[in-house]
Amino acid sequence: VELVESGGGLVQAGGSLRLSCTASGRTFGSVNVGWFRQAPGKEREFVALINWNGGITDYSASVRGRFTISRDNAENMVSLQMKSLAPEDTAVYYCAADRRAYRAVLMPTADAYAYWGQGTQVTVSS
């Protein structure tokens, strides 16, 4: 599975962005997908997760209520709609695909994900 993120950029605090993750490979629809982010000097953290059929999602406490993850398996795409952005959301955002197909549990740790995109920069100005 190859993943490519897009949609990052510079936005003012309170603004919105929509990130997309486009995948290649026939197995994409069988794996859970996560969005992670990494700010300078900080560890990579999970932001949002979605299971293989889109029926289950999870969010970190810092983004819950502001971000929405969704997927379209027919288009091999996962999106992250981000609203009410704040400077602390500034980071490189990565999408990642679970190493195990049809995993029943959403995994918030990076080591569960075998496939990663190159990342897209999101910068929120105050």
C-alpha atoms as a PDB file:
ATOM      1  CA  VAL A   1       0.000   0.000   0.000  1.00  0.00           C
ATOM      2  CA  GLU A   2       1.365   3.401  -0.954  1.00  0.00           C
ATOM      3  CA  LEU A   3      -0.129   6.488   0.667  1.00  0.00           C
ATOM      4  CA  VAL A   4       0.016  10.115  -0.463  1.00  0.00           C
ATOM      5  CA  GLU A   5      -1.272  12.977   1.673  1.00  0.00           C
ATOM      6  CA  SER A   6      -2.438  16.315   0.352  1.00  0.00           C
ATOM      7  CA  GLY A   7      -4.327  19.382   1.512  1.00  0.00           C
ATOM      8  CA  GLY A   8      -1.952  20.867   4.036  1.00  0.00           C
ATOM      9  CA  GLY A   9      -1.083  24.529   4.123  1.00  0.00           C
ATOM     10  CA  LEU A  10      -1.084  27.736   6.108  1.00  0.00           C
ATOM     11  CA  VAL A  11      -4.295  28.821   7.804  1.00  0.00           C
ATOM     12  CA  GLN A  12      -5.237  31.339  10.454  1.00  0.00           C
ATOM     13  CA  ALA A  13      -6.427  30.276  13.863  1.00  0.00           C
ATOM     14  CA  GLY A  14     -10.091  29.382  13.752  1.00  0.00           C
ATOM     15  CA  GLY A  15      -9.879  28.312  10.145  1.00  0.00           C
ATOM     16  CA  SER A  16     -10.398  24.947   8.467  1.00  0.00           C
ATOM     17  CA  LEU A  17      -8.484  22.550   6.291  1.00  0.00           C
ATOM     18  CA  ARG A  18      -9.284  19.214   4.711  1.00  0.00           C
ATOM     19  CA  LEU A  19      -6.526  16.665   4.358  1.00  0.00           C
ATOM     20  CA  SER A  20      -6.753  13.762   1.964  1.00  0.00           C
ATOM     21  CA  CYS A  21      -4.877  10.494   1.898  1.00  0.00           C
ATOM     22  CA  THR A  22      -4.959   8.630  -1.385  1.00  0.00           C
ATOM     23  CA  ALA A  23      -3.879   5.015  -1.453  1.00  0.00           C
ATOM     24  CA  SER A  24      -2.764   2.613  -4.101  1.00  0.00           C
ATOM     25  CA  GLY A  25      -3.188  -1.109  -3.708  1.00  0.00           C
ATOM     26  CA  ARG A  26      -6.142  -3.427  -3.686  1.00  0.00           C
ATOM     27  CA  THR A  27      -5.948  -4.144   0.046  1.00  0.00           C
ATOM     28  CA  PHE A  28      -6.625  -0.586   1.228  1.00  0.00           C
ATOM     29  CA  GLY A  29     -10.285  -1.294   1.878  1.00  0.00           C
ATOM     30  CA  SER A  30      -9.398  -4.064   4.311  1.00  0.00           C
ATOM     31  CA  VAL A  31      -7.226  -2.082   6.728  1.00  0.00           C
ATOM     32  CA  ASN A  32      -7.784   0.472   9.446  1.00  0.00           C
ATOM     33  CA  VAL A  33      -6.268   3.877   8.772  1.00  0.00           C
ATOM     34  CA  GLY A  34      -4.957   6.530  11.092  1.00  0.00           C
ATOM     35  CA  TRP A  35      -3.961  10.156  10.913  1.00  0.00           C
ATOM     36  CA  PHE A  36      -0.962  11.038  13.051  1.00  0.00           C
ATOM     37  CA  ARG A  37       0.916  14.266  13.486  1.00  0.00           C
ATOM     38  CA  GLN A  38       4.338  15.326  14.630  1.00  0.00           C
ATOM     39  CA  ALA A  39       5.280  18.802  15.747  1.00  0.00           C
ATOM     40  CA  PRO A  40       8.905  19.953  15.968  1.00  0.00           C
ATOM     41  CA  GLY A  41      10.586  18.532  19.043  1.00  0.00           C
ATOM     42  CA  LYS A  42       7.622  16.333  19.901  1.00  0.00           C
ATOM     43  CA  GLU A  43       6.778  12.689  19.446  1.00  0.00           C
ATOM     44  CA  ARG A  44       4.393  11.511  16.788  1.00  0.00           C
ATOM     45  CA  GLU A  45       0.857  11.302  18.159  1.00  0.00           C
ATOM     46  CA  PHE A  46      -2.344   9.865  16.889  1.00  0.00           C
ATOM     47  CA  VAL A  47      -5.025  12.277  15.802  1.00  0.00           C
ATOM     48  CA  ALA A  48      -7.850  10.208  14.355  1.00  0.00           C
ATOM     49  CA  LEU A  49      -8.491   6.590  13.442  1.00  0.00           C
ATOM     50  CA  ILE A  50     -11.039   4.862  11.260  1.00  0.00           C
ATOM     51  CA  ASN A  51     -11.707   1.194  10.852  1.00  0.00           C
ATOM     52  CA  TRP A  52     -11.599  -0.654   7.546  1.00  0.00           C
ATOM     53  CA  ASN A  53     -15.258  -0.148   6.629  1.00  0.00           C
ATOM     54  CA  GLY A  54     -15.625   3.329   8.082  1.00  0.00           C
ATOM     55  CA  GLY A  55     -18.041   2.264  10.774  1.00  0.00           C
ATOM     56  CA  ILE A  56     -15.835   3.012  13.782  1.00  0.00           C
ATOM     57  CA  THR A  57     -13.778   6.114  14.479  1.00  0.00           C
ATOM     58  CA  ASP A  58     -11.705   7.425  17.341  1.00  0.00           C
ATOM     59  CA  TYR A  59     -10.100  10.749  18.079  1.00  0.00           C
ATOM     60  CA  SER A  60      -7.506  12.088  20.434  1.00  0.00           C
ATOM     61  CA  ALA A  61      -8.902  14.262  23.186  1.00  0.00           C
ATOM     62  CA  SER A  62      -7.177  17.324  21.743  1.00  0.00           C
ATOM     63  CA  VAL A  63      -9.082  17.174  18.442  1.00  0.00           C
ATOM     64  CA  ARG A  64     -12.356  15.498  19.342  1.00  0.00           C
ATOM     65  CA  GLY A  65     -15.262  17.665  18.277  1.00  0.00           C
ATOM     66  CA  ARG A  66     -13.115  19.661  15.845  1.00  0.00           C
ATOM     67  CA  PHE A  67     -11.767  17.013  13.454  1.00  0.00           C
ATOM     68  CA  THR A  68     -13.688  14.422  11.458  1.00  0.00           C
ATOM     69  CA  ILE A  69     -12.175  11.393   9.752  1.00  0.00           C
ATOM     70  CA  SER A  70     -13.935   9.631   6.907  1.00  0.00           C
ATOM     71  CA  ARG A  71     -13.118   7.217   4.129  1.00  0.00           C
ATOM     72  CA  ASP A  72     -14.297   6.220   0.686  1.00  0.00           C
ATOM     73  CA  ASN A  73     -13.020   2.778  -0.120  1.00  0.00           C
ATOM     74  CA  ALA A  74     -14.315   2.979  -3.673  1.00  0.00           C
ATOM     75  CA  GLU A  75     -11.950   5.908  -4.184  1.00  0.00           C
ATOM     76  CA  ASN A  76      -9.167   4.498  -1.978  1.00  0.00           C
ATOM     77  CA  MET A  77      -9.228   7.692   0.050  1.00  0.00           C
ATOM     78  CA  VAL A  78      -9.314   8.759   3.679  1.00  0.00           C
ATOM     79  CA  SER A  79      -9.995  12.363   4.609  1.00  0.00           C
ATOM     80  CA  LEU A  80      -9.512  14.462   7.704  1.00  0.00           C
ATOM     81  CA  GLN A  81     -11.715  17.529   8.004  1.00  0.00           C
ATOM     82  CA  MET A  82     -10.191  19.959  10.487  1.00  0.00           C
ATOM     83  CA  LYS A  83     -12.138  22.894  11.925  1.00  0.00           C
ATOM     84  CA  SER A  84     -11.461  25.516  14.579  1.00  0.00           C
ATOM     85  CA  LEU A  85      -7.751  25.092  14.043  1.00  0.00           C
ATOM     86  CA  ALA A  86      -5.389  26.425  16.673  1.00  0.00           C
ATOM     87  CA  PRO A  87      -1.634  27.114  16.628  1.00  0.00           C
ATOM     88  CA  GLU A  88      -1.056  23.948  18.642  1.00  0.00           C
ATOM     89  CA  ASP A  89      -2.392  21.955  15.694  1.00  0.00           C
ATOM     90  CA  THR A  90       0.677  22.967  13.707  1.00  0.00           C
ATOM     91  CA  ALA A  91       2.529  19.814  12.693  1.00  0.00           C
ATOM     92  CA  VAL A  92       3.329  17.461   9.856  1.00  0.00           C
ATOM     93  CA  TYR A  93       0.315  15.229   9.374  1.00  0.00           C
ATOM     94  CA  TYR A  94       0.727  11.640   8.239  1.00  0.00           C
ATOM     95  CA  CYS A  95      -1.747   9.006   7.226  1.00  0.00           C
ATOM     96  CA  ALA A  96      -0.937   5.399   7.953  1.00  0.00           C
ATOM     97  CA  ALA A  97      -2.411   2.012   7.141  1.00  0.00           C
ATOM     98  CA  ASP A  98      -2.583  -0.800   9.683  1.00  0.00           C
ATOM     99  CA  ARG A  99      -0.228  -3.708   9.127  1.00  0.00           C
ATOM    100  CA  ARG A 100      -3.055  -6.176   9.836  1.00  0.00           C
ATOM    101  CA  ALA A 101      -6.177  -6.561   7.741  1.00  0.00           C
ATOM    102  CA  TYR A 102      -9.612  -6.417   9.362  1.00  0.00           C
ATOM    103  CA  ARG A 103      -8.224  -5.657  12.806  1.00  0.00           C
ATOM    104  CA  ALA A 104     -11.172  -5.409  15.202  1.00  0.00           C
ATOM    105  CA  VAL A 105      -9.594  -2.769  17.419  1.00  0.00           C
ATOM    106  CA  LEU A 106      -8.398   0.702  16.424  1.00  0.00           C
ATOM    107  CA  MET A 107      -4.765   1.068  17.433  1.00  0.00           C
ATOM    108  CA  PRO A 108      -3.557   4.513  18.572  1.00  0.00           C
ATOM    109  CA  THR A 109       0.134   3.566  18.520  1.00  0.00           C
ATOM    110  CA  ALA A 110       2.333   4.122  15.487  1.00  0.00           C
ATOM    111  CA  ASP A 111       3.915   0.677  15.628  1.00  0.00           C
ATOM    112  CA  ALA A 112       0.636  -0.920  14.529  1.00  0.00           C
ATOM    113  CA  TYR A 113       0.920   0.810  11.164  1.00  0.00           C
ATOM    114  CA  ALA A 114       3.180  -0.547   8.469  1.00  0.00           C
ATOM    115  CA  TYR A 115       2.494   1.909   5.666  1.00  0.00           C
ATOM    116  CA  TRP A 116       3.015   5.653   5.902  1.00  0.00           C
ATOM    117  CA  GLY A 117       2.683   8.609   3.620  1.00  0.00           C
ATOM    118  CA  GLN A 118       5.323  11.286   3.277  1.00  0.00           C
ATOM    119  CA  GLY A 119       3.360  13.774   5.361  1.00  0.00           C
ATOM    120  CA  THR A 120       1.795  17.147   4.703  1.00  0.00           C
ATOM    121  CA  GLN A 121       2.583  20.311   6.642  1.00  0.00           C
ATOM    122  CA  VAL A 122      -0.197  22.120   8.471  1.00  0.00           C
ATOM    123  CA  THR A 123       0.677  25.519   9.908  1.00  0.00           C
ATOM    124  CA  VAL A 124      -1.819  27.509  11.952  1.00  0.00           C
ATOM    125  CA  SER A 125      -0.968  31.135  12.593  1.00  0.00           C
ATOM    126  CA  SER A 126      -2.248  33.024  15.619  1.00  0.00           C
END
